[in-house]
Amino acid sequence: MTMKPPMTPTTPPAARTAATVLFSDKALDHHCLVFSNLAGTAGIQANQFLIIHKKHAAVIDPGGDLTYTPLTIELSKWCDLSQLDYVLASHQDPDIIASLPRWLMHTRAKAVCSRLWARFLPHLASPFMMKNMNVNVADRIIELPDRGGDIPLGDCTIKALPAHFLHSVGNFHFYDPVSKILFSGDMGSSIVSEKEAEPVEDFDAHIGAMKGFHQRYMASRKASALWADMVRGMDVEMMVPQHGRPFKGRAMVHRFLDWISVLPAGVDLLDAGNYQVP
């Protein structure tokens, strides 16, 4: 894959409308980008990610038909999509991986997801379409075991970290050791507009945009706390969720870990009143 030159302040504004550079090291030829404003008003705000390392690239949580076309237009400004290595899916939701058939048809990328969802992903792909395009879906899916694993990207490695029940039963987050960025799926997500997807500066003020989401979508405080203990032992400089604003700097990341570790969520909040015949 041919890496295009990193964007500079002299790049025409039209070429910079969707991409935000999270990390860029020219010496290592390693770059991480986020696209935050592609869903428009038709769907919930969502972030899509690109990691480029030398002649290799991976897209994380690319979304569905709503974002596929604008995303590929933006990605093509940075890399050769025909040589894309991976489409990484944290879980199976439509805003994560519903565009899978298009990636399989138009790139050489392999899809990486939990083994729990690998058998469901072919339901997204029309057998007629796949046959006509000579695509064998099963051959293009890499199944992650529950413990996670290493995903080679050229001479660097992306780590798939277990994040089960946060919020999906088979869930993974992706950590880039070069940039020290944790792409944290729905963990850390906030409900904001596309214009508000800049890094969190006031954590206390930001809680209101996160609390309701996490209490409904995370399975339990126990699951959140176990995940947070794992992340505390890692070298994380930035945590970027699939929705909303990123957490930049170790102090801010650890502030989130402390908060989520004690937040009652999911089954912690259930009682008989939640299960009554309407």
C-alpha atoms as a PDB file:
ATOM      1  CA  MET A   1       0.000   0.000   0.000  1.00  0.00           C
ATOM      2  CA  THR A   2       1.338   3.408  -0.945  1.00  0.00           C
ATOM      3  CA  MET A   3       1.196   5.891   1.882  1.00  0.00           C
ATOM      4  CA  LYS A   4       0.229   9.365   0.765  1.00  0.00           C
ATOM      5  CA  PRO A   5       2.028  12.338   2.336  1.00  0.00           C
ATOM      6  CA  PRO A   6       0.621  13.417   5.708  1.00  0.00           C
ATOM      7  CA  MET A   7      -1.644  16.414   5.456  1.00  0.00           C
ATOM      8  CA  THR A   8      -0.196  19.814   6.343  1.00  0.00           C
ATOM      9  CA  PRO A   9      -1.791  23.191   7.059  1.00  0.00           C
ATOM     10  CA  THR A  10      -1.344  24.001   3.373  1.00  0.00           C
ATOM     11  CA  THR A  11      -3.629  21.148   2.338  1.00  0.00           C
ATOM     12  CA  PRO A  12      -6.826  22.540   0.760  1.00  0.00           C
ATOM     13  CA  PRO A  13      -9.650  22.703   3.332  1.00  0.00           C
ATOM     14  CA  ALA A  14     -11.848  20.386   1.257  1.00  0.00           C
ATOM     15  CA  ALA A  15      -9.331  17.583   1.828  1.00  0.00           C
ATOM     16  CA  ARG A  16      -9.351  18.049   5.593  1.00  0.00           C
ATOM     17  CA  THR A  17     -13.044  18.206   6.385  1.00  0.00           C
ATOM     18  CA  ALA A  18     -13.461  14.674   7.761  1.00  0.00           C
ATOM     19  CA  ALA A  19     -10.094  13.421   9.023  1.00  0.00           C
ATOM     20  CA  THR A  20      -8.453  14.282  12.318  1.00  0.00           C
ATOM     21  CA  VAL A  21      -4.895  13.072  12.815  1.00  0.00           C
ATOM     22  CA  LEU A  22      -4.582  11.377  16.212  1.00  0.00           C
ATOM     23  CA  PHE A  23      -0.948  10.359  15.749  1.00  0.00           C
ATOM     24  CA  SER A  24       1.657  10.773  13.029  1.00  0.00           C
ATOM     25  CA  ASP A  25       5.330   9.778  13.073  1.00  0.00           C
ATOM     26  CA  LYS A  26       7.040  10.271   9.729  1.00  0.00           C
ATOM     27  CA  ALA A  27      10.206   8.462  10.830  1.00  0.00           C
ATOM     28  CA  LEU A  28       8.227   5.338  11.730  1.00  0.00           C
ATOM     29  CA  ASP A  29       5.788   5.930   8.861  1.00  0.00           C
ATOM     30  CA  HIS A  30       2.952   5.288  11.295  1.00  0.00           C
ATOM     31  CA  HIS A  31      -0.284   7.262  11.344  1.00  0.00           C
ATOM     32  CA  CYS A  32      -3.673   7.055  13.098  1.00  0.00           C
ATOM     33  CA  LEU A  33      -6.729   8.991  11.978  1.00  0.00           C
ATOM     34  CA  VAL A  34     -10.333   9.380  13.076  1.00  0.00           C
ATOM     35  CA  PHE A  35     -13.320  10.335  10.922  1.00  0.00           C
ATOM     36  CA  SER A  36     -16.067  11.811  13.094  1.00  0.00           C
ATOM     37  CA  ASN A  37     -18.527  13.580  10.826  1.00  0.00           C
ATOM     38  CA  LEU A  38     -19.563  11.098   8.136  1.00  0.00           C
ATOM     39  CA  ALA A  39     -22.919   9.824   9.452  1.00  0.00           C
ATOM     40  CA  GLY A  40     -24.657  13.181   9.103  1.00  0.00           C
ATOM     41  CA  THR A  41     -28.090  13.674  10.641  1.00  0.00           C
ATOM     42  CA  ALA A  42     -29.479  10.330   9.444  1.00  0.00           C
ATOM     43  CA  GLY A  43     -27.830   8.331  12.231  1.00  0.00           C
ATOM     44  CA  ILE A  44     -26.098   8.638  15.566  1.00  0.00           C
ATOM     45  CA  GLN A  45     -22.667  10.285  15.504  1.00  0.00           C
ATOM     46  CA  ALA A  46     -19.979   7.633  15.092  1.00  0.00           C
ATOM     47  CA  ASN A  47     -16.208   7.562  14.703  1.00  0.00           C
ATOM     48  CA  GLN A  48     -14.360   5.436  12.165  1.00  0.00           C
ATOM     49  CA  PHE A  49     -10.608   4.861  12.386  1.00  0.00           C
ATOM     50  CA  LEU A  50      -7.633   4.226  10.130  1.00  0.00           C
ATOM     51  CA  ILE A  51      -4.195   2.935  11.135  1.00  0.00           C
ATOM     52  CA  ILE A  52      -1.458   3.132   8.521  1.00  0.00           C
ATOM     53  CA  HIS A  53       1.928   1.544   9.025  1.00  0.00           C
ATOM     54  CA  LYS A  54       4.311   1.815   6.072  1.00  0.00           C
ATOM     55  CA  LYS A  55       2.595  -0.080   3.254  1.00  0.00           C
ATOM     56  CA  HIS A  56      -0.125  -1.574   5.446  1.00  0.00           C
ATOM     57  CA  ALA A  57      -3.446  -0.303   6.743  1.00  0.00           C
ATOM     58  CA  ALA A  58      -6.416  -1.319   8.880  1.00  0.00           C
ATOM     59  CA  VAL A  59      -9.844   0.275   9.246  1.00  0.00           C
ATOM     60  CA  ILE A  60     -11.559  -0.019  12.623  1.00  0.00           C
ATOM     61  CA  ASP A  61     -15.369  -0.106  12.996  1.00  0.00           C
ATOM     62  CA  PRO A  62     -16.163   1.287   9.522  1.00  0.00           C
ATOM     63  CA  GLY A  63     -19.932   1.294   9.944  1.00  0.00           C
ATOM     64  CA  GLY A  64     -22.665   0.550   7.432  1.00  0.00           C
ATOM     65  CA  ASP A  65     -24.036   1.934   4.177  1.00  0.00           C
ATOM     66  CA  LEU A  66     -24.544   5.310   5.828  1.00  0.00           C
ATOM     67  CA  THR A  67     -20.797   5.874   6.126  1.00  0.00           C
ATOM     68  CA  TYR A  68     -19.301   3.560   3.498  1.00  0.00           C
ATOM     69  CA  THR A  69     -19.168   5.940   0.546  1.00  0.00           C
ATOM     70  CA  PRO A  70     -17.980   9.072   2.372  1.00  0.00           C
ATOM     71  CA  LEU A  71     -15.501   6.963   4.358  1.00  0.00           C
ATOM     72  CA  THR A  72     -13.935   5.371   1.307  1.00  0.00           C
ATOM     73  CA  ILE A  73     -13.614   8.792  -0.328  1.00  0.00           C
ATOM     74  CA  GLU A  74     -11.737  10.079   2.731  1.00  0.00           C
ATOM     75  CA  LEU A  75      -9.612   6.936   3.092  1.00  0.00           C
ATOM     76  CA  SER A  76      -8.517   7.130  -0.527  1.00  0.00           C
ATOM     77  CA  LYS A  77      -6.823  10.442   0.273  1.00  0.00           C
ATOM     78  CA  TRP A  78      -4.497   8.545   2.598  1.00  0.00           C
ATOM     79  CA  CYS A  79      -3.953   5.073   1.195  1.00  0.00           C
ATOM     80  CA  ASP A  80      -4.615   2.647  -1.624  1.00  0.00           C
ATOM     81  CA  LEU A  81      -7.819   0.867  -0.607  1.00  0.00           C
ATOM     82  CA  SER A  82      -7.182  -2.068  -2.918  1.00  0.00           C
ATOM     83  CA  GLN A  83      -4.295  -3.002  -0.631  1.00  0.00           C
ATOM     84  CA  LEU A  84      -6.163  -2.645   2.686  1.00  0.00           C
ATOM     85  CA  ASP A  85      -5.071  -5.389   5.109  1.00  0.00           C
ATOM     86  CA  TYR A  86      -7.922  -5.518   7.628  1.00  0.00           C
ATOM     87  CA  VAL A  87     -11.365  -4.378   8.585  1.00  0.00           C
ATOM     88  CA  LEU A  88     -11.436  -4.680  12.386  1.00  0.00           C
ATOM     89  CA  ALA A  89     -14.841  -5.003  14.059  1.00  0.00           C
ATOM     90  CA  SER A  90     -15.169  -4.511  17.804  1.00  0.00           C
ATOM     91  CA  HIS A  91     -18.581  -6.227  17.688  1.00  0.00           C
ATOM     92  CA  GLN A  92     -21.461  -7.027  15.343  1.00  0.00           C
ATOM     93  CA  ASP A  93     -23.707  -3.942  15.433  1.00  0.00           C
ATOM     94  CA  PRO A  94     -24.851  -2.292  12.167  1.00  0.00           C
ATOM     95  CA  ASP A  95     -22.933   0.921  12.902  1.00  0.00           C
ATOM     96  CA  ILE A  96     -19.805  -1.222  13.287  1.00  0.00           C
ATOM     97  CA  ILE A  97     -19.708  -3.659  10.386  1.00  0.00           C
ATOM     98  CA  ALA A  98     -22.917  -3.632   8.277  1.00  0.00           C
ATOM     99  CA  SER A  99     -20.862  -2.476   5.272  1.00  0.00           C
ATOM    100  CA  LEU A 100     -18.847  -5.728   5.321  1.00  0.00           C
ATOM    101  CA  PRO A 101     -19.993  -6.948   1.857  1.00  0.00           C
ATOM    102  CA  ARG A 102     -18.640  -3.830   0.191  1.00  0.00           C
ATOM    103  CA  TRP A 103     -15.255  -4.172   1.870  1.00  0.00           C
ATOM    104  CA  LEU A 104     -15.079  -7.802   0.815  1.00  0.00           C
ATOM    105  CA  MET A 105     -15.996  -6.983  -2.781  1.00  0.00           C
ATOM    106  CA  HIS A 106     -13.859  -3.908  -3.322  1.00  0.00           C
ATOM    107  CA  THR A 107     -10.740  -4.619  -1.250  1.00  0.00           C
ATOM    108  CA  ARG A 108      -8.513  -7.544  -0.332  1.00  0.00           C
ATOM    109  CA  ALA A 109      -9.043  -6.897   3.368  1.00  0.00           C
ATOM    110  CA  LYS A 110      -9.843  -9.610   5.840  1.00  0.00           C
ATOM    111  CA  ALA A 111     -12.495  -8.958   8.478  1.00  0.00           C
ATOM    112  CA  VAL A 112     -11.435  -9.523  12.090  1.00  0.00           C
ATOM    113  CA  CYS A 113     -14.092 -10.131  14.739  1.00  0.00           C
ATOM    114  CA  SER A 114     -15.046 -12.291  17.692  1.00  0.00           C
ATOM    115  CA  ARG A 115     -15.485 -15.957  16.865  1.00  0.00           C
ATOM    116  CA  LEU A 116     -18.957 -15.637  18.424  1.00  0.00           C
ATOM    117  CA  TRP A 117     -20.007 -13.327  15.596  1.00  0.00           C
ATOM    118  CA  ALA A 118     -18.010 -14.812  12.710  1.00  0.00           C
ATOM    119  CA  ARG A 119     -20.803 -17.225  11.859  1.00  0.00           C
ATOM    120  CA  PHE A 120     -23.341 -14.383  11.814  1.00  0.00           C
ATOM    121  CA  LEU A 121     -21.444 -12.002   9.521  1.00  0.00           C
ATOM    122  CA  PRO A 122     -22.230 -13.999   6.348  1.00  0.00           C
ATOM    123  CA  HIS A 123     -25.882 -12.999   6.926  1.00  0.00           C
ATOM    124  CA  LEU A 124     -24.840  -9.490   5.901  1.00  0.00           C
ATOM    125  CA  ALA A 125     -23.584 -10.673   2.514  1.00  0.00           C
ATOM    126  CA  SER A 126     -25.911 -11.625  -0.341  1.00  0.00           C
ATOM    127  CA  PRO A 127     -24.908 -15.112  -1.603  1.00  0.00           C
ATOM    128  CA  PHE A 128     -25.799 -14.044  -5.157  1.00  0.00           C
ATOM    129  CA  MET A 129     -23.605 -10.953  -4.934  1.00  0.00           C
ATOM    130  CA  MET A 130     -20.714 -12.789  -3.311  1.00  0.00           C
ATOM    131  CA  LYS A 131     -20.865 -15.590  -5.912  1.00  0.00           C
ATOM    132  CA  ASN A 132     -20.864 -13.140  -8.793  1.00  0.00           C
ATOM    133  CA  MET A 133     -17.897 -11.310  -7.289  1.00  0.00           C
ATOM    134  CA  ASN A 134     -16.132 -14.628  -6.561  1.00  0.00           C
ATOM    135  CA  VAL A 135     -15.897 -13.837  -2.846  1.00  0.00           C
ATOM    136  CA  ASN A 136     -15.790 -16.622  -0.263  1.00  0.00           C
ATOM    137  CA  VAL A 137     -16.878 -14.877   2.941  1.00  0.00           C
ATOM    138  CA  ALA A 138     -15.600 -17.636   5.241  1.00  0.00           C
ATOM    139  CA  ASP A 139     -12.090 -17.335   3.795  1.00  0.00           C
ATOM    140  CA  ARG A 140     -12.011 -13.603   4.487  1.00  0.00           C
ATOM    141  CA  ILE A 141     -12.950 -13.648   8.192  1.00  0.00           C
ATOM    142  CA  ILE A 142     -10.392 -13.990  10.992  1.00  0.00           C
ATOM    143  CA  GLU A 143     -12.042 -15.273  14.167  1.00  0.00           C
ATOM    144  CA  LEU A 144     -10.688 -13.960  17.447  1.00  0.00           C
ATOM    145  CA  PRO A 145     -10.756 -16.301  20.458  1.00  0.00           C
ATOM    146  CA  ASP A 146     -12.160 -14.900  23.694  1.00  0.00           C
ATOM    147  CA  ARG A 147      -8.678 -14.167  25.043  1.00  0.00           C
ATOM    148  CA  GLY A 148      -7.941 -11.852  22.076  1.00  0.00           C
ATOM    149  CA  GLY A 149      -4.626 -11.851  20.259  1.00  0.00           C
ATOM    150  CA  ASP A 150      -2.056 -10.059  18.130  1.00  0.00           C
ATOM    151  CA  ILE A 151      -2.894  -8.817  14.647  1.00  0.00           C
ATOM    152  CA  PRO A 152       0.236  -8.274  12.501  1.00  0.00           C
ATOM    153  CA  LEU A 153       0.309  -5.051  10.488  1.00  0.00           C
ATOM    154  CA  GLY A 154       3.576  -5.152   8.601  1.00  0.00           C
ATOM    155  CA  ASP A 155       6.334  -5.153  11.222  1.00  0.00           C
ATOM    156  CA  CYS A 156       4.094  -3.803  13.989  1.00  0.00           C
ATOM    157  CA  THR A 157       1.247  -5.430  15.888  1.00  0.00           C
ATOM    158  CA  ILE A 158      -2.277  -4.373  16.812  1.00  0.00           C
ATOM    159  CA  LYS A 159      -3.537  -6.014  19.981  1.00  0.00           C
ATOM    160  CA  ALA A 160      -7.134  -7.245  20.190  1.00  0.00           C
ATOM    161  CA  LEU A 161      -8.134  -6.889  23.851  1.00  0.00           C
ATOM    162  CA  PRO A 162     -11.050  -8.761  25.458  1.00  0.00           C
ATOM    163  CA  ALA A 163     -13.925  -6.424  26.319  1.00  0.00           C
ATOM    164  CA  HIS A 164     -16.755  -8.921  26.542  1.00  0.00           C
ATOM    165  CA  PHE A 165     -20.174  -7.720  27.751  1.00  0.00           C
ATOM    166  CA  LEU A 166     -19.087  -4.111  27.167  1.00  0.00           C
ATOM    167  CA  HIS A 167     -21.622  -4.058  25.588  1.00  0.00           C
ATOM    168  CA  SER A 168     -21.630  -7.126  23.343  1.00  0.00           C
ATOM    169  CA  VAL A 169     -21.167 -10.693  24.577  1.00  0.00           C
ATOM    170  CA  GLY A 170     -18.280 -11.032  22.123  1.00  0.00           C
ATOM    171  CA  ASN A 171     -16.491  -7.704  22.177  1.00  0.00           C
ATOM    172  CA  PHE A 172     -12.938  -6.504  21.511  1.00  0.00           C
ATOM    173  CA  HIS A 173     -11.027  -3.282  21.739  1.00  0.00           C
ATOM    174  CA  PHE A 174      -7.954  -2.588  19.630  1.00  0.00           C
ATOM    175  CA  TYR A 175      -4.693  -1.186  20.990  1.00  0.00           C
ATOM    176  CA  ASP A 176      -1.933   0.274  18.869  1.00  0.00           C
ATOM    177  CA  PRO A 177       1.359   0.031  20.830  1.00  0.00           C
ATOM    178  CA  VAL A 178       3.142   2.458  18.487  1.00  0.00           C
ATOM    179  CA  SER A 179       0.780   5.401  19.017  1.00  0.00           C
ATOM    180  CA  LYS A 180      -0.323   4.104  22.434  1.00  0.00           C
ATOM    181  CA  ILE A 181      -3.946   4.656  21.411  1.00  0.00           C
ATOM    182  CA  LEU A 182      -6.718   2.405  22.699  1.00  0.00           C
ATOM    183  CA  PHE A 183      -9.658   2.222  20.288  1.00  0.00           C
ATOM    184  CA  SER A 184     -12.262   1.386  22.897  1.00  0.00           C
ATOM    185  CA  GLY A 185     -15.466   0.657  21.003  1.00  0.00           C
ATOM    186  CA  ASP A 186     -18.532   1.678  23.000  1.00  0.00           C
ATOM    187  CA  MET A 187     -16.585   1.994  26.234  1.00  0.00           C
ATOM    188  CA  GLY A 188     -16.168   5.715  26.870  1.00  0.00           C
ATOM    189  CA  SER A 189     -18.771   6.660  24.286  1.00  0.00           C
ATOM    190  CA  SER A 190     -20.727   9.872  24.656  1.00  0.00           C
ATOM    191  CA  ILE A 191     -23.747  11.295  22.921  1.00  0.00           C
ATOM    192  CA  VAL A 192     -22.558  14.451  21.192  1.00  0.00           C
ATOM    193  CA  SER A 193     -22.892  16.109  17.814  1.00  0.00           C
ATOM    194  CA  GLU A 194     -20.239  15.680  15.143  1.00  0.00           C
ATOM    195  CA  LYS A 195     -19.019  19.196  15.925  1.00  0.00           C
ATOM    196  CA  GLU A 196     -18.398  18.261  19.569  1.00  0.00           C
ATOM    197  CA  ALA A 197     -16.101  15.269  19.014  1.00  0.00           C
ATOM    198  CA  GLU A 198     -12.952  17.024  20.235  1.00  0.00           C
ATOM    199  CA  PRO A 199     -10.991  15.659  23.267  1.00  0.00           C
ATOM    200  CA  VAL A 200     -12.597  15.875  26.707  1.00  0.00           C
ATOM    201  CA  GLU A 201     -11.265  18.778  28.770  1.00  0.00           C
ATOM    202  CA  ASP A 202     -13.653  18.892  31.737  1.00  0.00           C
ATOM    203  CA  PHE A 203     -14.352  15.317  32.850  1.00  0.00           C
ATOM    204  CA  ASP A 204     -17.018  16.218  35.421  1.00  0.00           C
ATOM    205  CA  ALA A 205     -18.939  18.263  32.868  1.00  0.00           C
ATOM    206  CA  HIS A 206     -18.679  15.374  30.393  1.00  0.00           C
ATOM    207  CA  ILE A 207     -20.245  12.760  32.698  1.00  0.00           C
ATOM    208  CA  GLY A 208     -23.757  13.795  31.739  1.00  0.00           C
ATOM    209  CA  ALA A 209     -23.076  12.847  28.111  1.00  0.00           C
ATOM    210  CA  MET A 210     -21.829   9.371  29.143  1.00  0.00           C
ATOM    211  CA  LYS A 211     -23.664   8.149  32.229  1.00  0.00           C
ATOM    212  CA  GLY A 212     -27.010   7.086  30.785  1.00  0.00           C
ATOM    213  CA  PHE A 213     -25.362   5.360  27.839  1.00  0.00           C
ATOM    214  CA  HIS A 214     -22.978   3.319  29.989  1.00  0.00           C
ATOM    215  CA  GLN A 215     -25.618   2.361  32.536  1.00  0.00           C
ATOM    216  CA  ARG A 216     -27.791   0.938  29.779  1.00  0.00           C
ATOM    217  CA  TYR A 217     -25.207  -0.567  27.424  1.00  0.00           C
ATOM    218  CA  MET A 218     -22.582  -1.993  29.797  1.00  0.00           C
ATOM    219  CA  ALA A 219     -23.521  -5.333  31.365  1.00  0.00           C
ATOM    220  CA  SER A 220     -22.403  -4.655  34.943  1.00  0.00           C
ATOM    221  CA  ARG A 221     -20.016  -2.788  37.184  1.00  0.00           C
ATOM    222  CA  LYS A 222     -18.055  -6.028  37.594  1.00  0.00           C
ATOM    223  CA  ALA A 223     -17.385  -6.321  33.858  1.00  0.00           C
ATOM    224  CA  SER A 224     -16.419  -2.636  33.647  1.00  0.00           C
ATOM    225  CA  ALA A 225     -14.104  -2.853  36.653  1.00  0.00           C
ATOM    226  CA  LEU A 226     -12.296  -5.950  35.359  1.00  0.00           C
ATOM    227  CA  TRP A 227     -11.765  -4.232  32.016  1.00  0.00           C
ATOM    228  CA  ALA A 228     -10.530  -1.065  33.740  1.00  0.00           C
ATOM    229  CA  ASP A 229      -8.019  -3.076  35.789  1.00  0.00           C
ATOM    230  CA  MET A 230      -6.622  -4.523  32.569  1.00  0.00           C
ATOM    231  CA  VAL A 231      -6.273  -1.099  30.934  1.00  0.00           C
ATOM    232  CA  ARG A 232      -4.600   0.421  34.024  1.00  0.00           C
ATOM    233  CA  GLY A 233      -1.703  -1.947  33.475  1.00  0.00           C
ATOM    234  CA  MET A 234      -1.204  -0.749  29.905  1.00  0.00           C
ATOM    235  CA  ASP A 235       0.679   2.187  28.414  1.00  0.00           C
ATOM    236  CA  VAL A 236      -2.270   4.200  27.068  1.00  0.00           C
ATOM    237  CA  GLU A 237      -1.812   7.819  25.997  1.00  0.00           C
ATOM    238  CA  MET A 238      -5.230   8.213  24.400  1.00  0.00           C
ATOM    239  CA  MET A 239      -8.548   6.363  24.522  1.00  0.00           C
ATOM    240  CA  VAL A 240     -10.844   6.906  21.557  1.00  0.00           C
ATOM    241  CA  PRO A 241     -14.377   5.463  21.654  1.00  0.00           C
ATOM    242  CA  GLN A 242     -16.593   4.704  18.692  1.00  0.00           C
ATOM    243  CA  HIS A 243     -19.012   7.484  19.602  1.00  0.00           C
ATOM    244  CA  GLY A 244     -18.237  10.944  20.874  1.00  0.00           C
ATOM    245  CA  ARG A 245     -15.167  12.494  22.407  1.00  0.00           C
ATOM    246  CA  PRO A 246     -11.717  10.957  23.007  1.00  0.00           C
ATOM    247  CA  PHE A 247      -9.784  10.990  26.277  1.00  0.00           C
ATOM    248  CA  LYS A 248      -6.315  12.422  25.731  1.00  0.00           C
ATOM    249  CA  GLY A 249      -3.455  12.025  28.206  1.00  0.00           C
ATOM    250  CA  ARG A 250      -2.920   9.421  30.892  1.00  0.00           C
ATOM    251  CA  ALA A 251      -4.534  11.513  33.619  1.00  0.00           C
ATOM    252  CA  MET A 252      -7.776  11.817  31.661  1.00  0.00           C
ATOM    253  CA  VAL A 253      -7.756   8.136  30.660  1.00  0.00           C
ATOM    254  CA  HIS A 254      -7.295   7.085  34.288  1.00  0.00           C
ATOM    255  CA  ARG A 255     -10.005   9.480  35.386  1.00  0.00           C
ATOM    256  CA  PHE A 256     -12.384   7.589  33.136  1.00  0.00           C
ATOM    257  CA  LEU A 257     -11.153   4.207  34.413  1.00  0.00           C
ATOM    258  CA  ASP A 258     -11.780   5.256  38.003  1.00  0.00           C
ATOM    259  CA  TRP A 259     -15.262   6.508  37.130  1.00  0.00           C
ATOM    260  CA  ILE A 260     -16.396   3.454  35.160  1.00  0.00           C
ATOM    261  CA  SER A 261     -15.002   1.042  37.780  1.00  0.00           C
ATOM    262  CA  VAL A 262     -17.625   2.082  40.338  1.00  0.00           C
ATOM    263  CA  LEU A 263     -20.574   2.946  38.083  1.00  0.00           C
ATOM    264  CA  PRO A 264     -23.571   0.617  38.576  1.00  0.00           C
ATOM    265  CA  ALA A 265     -24.710  -0.546  35.153  1.00  0.00           C
ATOM    266  CA  GLY A 266     -26.800  -3.125  33.347  1.00  0.00           C
ATOM    267  CA  VAL A 267     -27.864  -5.986  35.612  1.00  0.00           C
ATOM    268  CA  ASP A 268     -26.778  -3.996  38.697  1.00  0.00           C
ATOM    269  CA  LEU A 269     -29.787  -1.739  38.162  1.00  0.00           C
ATOM    270  CA  LEU A 270     -32.428  -4.376  37.422  1.00  0.00           C
ATOM    271  CA  ASP A 271     -35.290  -5.377  39.698  1.00  0.00           C
ATOM    272  CA  ALA A 272     -38.690  -7.027  39.328  1.00  0.00           C
ATOM    273  CA  GLY A 273     -40.127  -3.775  38.036  1.00  0.00           C
ATOM    274  CA  ASN A 274     -38.158  -4.192  34.837  1.00  0.00           C
ATOM    275  CA  TYR A 275     -39.880  -7.510  34.084  1.00  0.00           C
ATOM    276  CA  GLN A 276     -43.628  -7.028  34.109  1.00  0.00           C
ATOM    277  CA  VAL A 277     -46.245  -7.977  31.567  1.00  0.00           C
ATOM    278  CA  PRO A 278     -47.269  -4.728  29.833  1.00  0.00           C
END
